[in-house]
Amino acid sequence: MNEQHLLSPGPLLNEEGNLVEAGYAYSLVKTYDRKMIATSPLRIKEWDYYYVGNASYGIALTVADNGYMSMVSASFLDFEAKKEKTVSKIGLFPKGNLKMPPSSKVGDVFYEGKGFSFSFAHTGEGKRRLIVHFDDFLGKGIPFRCDVLLAETSPNSMVIATPFKKKAHFYYNQKINCLRASGYAKVGERVIDFNQGTYGVLDWGRGVWTYRNTWYWSSLNAELEGVPFGWNFGYGFGDTTSASENMVFFGEKVYKLDDVIFDIPIGKGNRDDFLSPWTIRSHSHDLRIRFVPVIDRHSDTNALVLRSNQHQVFGQFSGYINIDEKPFEFEGLPGFAEKVYNKW
């Protein structure tokens, strides 16, 4: 494993708006202060993204303030029927008006507009409640609503402070894996119970991104041997010489990994074939995972100077991760892997 830098407590940014230090941590040891950012408010990107699911169903919920645009989004995924539905609402030039909290530990997210509302609220003792509704989700006035309680199962999370080569550009990110879920989602009159065996993940992101970039991300949140088990794998943007964002979670234990590689099959026209089986591996040969896709949640928003081409692919993972203290073998665990290209 390459040497990776463990972050120390203190402010995230210096007076020039650059990272004080780059590296990783297991909690938000660095203090994010939007006022310390040294670029235009139009370049600041802040979001909270939750995914909650099991082998049969999932929901994805987003509230984002990207400076020049705001976005709220809700997705419902039916893996048995191999169908998904996503509805998003876009606003212009929020420039911080969504008041996204400077920490995931405290502060709630509330946002509502005509026909929709989002509430991500802390309820104490490491729990948070997600309540979202859309009046018209499937068309013809068919609504969506969810009310889900998420409970942390570990004090450890994935935190990384990543610089870009461009000054005053950075990404401060936390992934809280293996959030135990209870509650429901309702689409029209159809009710989906999220109870035993359902887990969630929070992707909490704050930063100033460069204009053009691509990222790869995989998240798994399930159970293995009756214990909460998951991972965060990712790469593709910024300067990651100080740390990777690759971690494996098992109960309250966390294991830091070095590099990972996503091998996405190449199909017709020399393009990525997202619905054929992928391989996730490492140069050190300490993991090899086969990913069998079920649904490709694809969107391609192209507005000339702005573009977001997203392939978030849901399916099942099988394979092994060899860690000295604890080797893991697993078969058919639900999760997702994605490739996203942005000009933003």
Foldseek 3Di string as FASTA:
>chain_A
DAAADEDAAEAQADQQLFGPDWGKYFFCRHFDDPVSQDDDLLQKKWKKWKWKDFQAKIKIWMWIDNQQKTKTKIKIAGLVVLDMFMDMDMDGGCSCVQVDDRHPVDDWGWDDDVQKIWTWHDDDPQKIWTWIKGQAGPPPRWMKIWIKMWHQQASTWIWTWFAAPDPSWIKTKIKRAQTAMFTWMDTRNDIDTRHPFMGMMMITMITGHDQWWKKKWWWFWGDDPNWTKMWIAMDTHGDQSNHGRTWIDTRHDIDGDGHKDKAFDQDPPRHGPNQQWIWIADPVRQWIKIWHFRYFPWDWDPDPQWIKTKTKTKFFMFTWGHDPVDIDGDGGGIIIMMMMIIRD
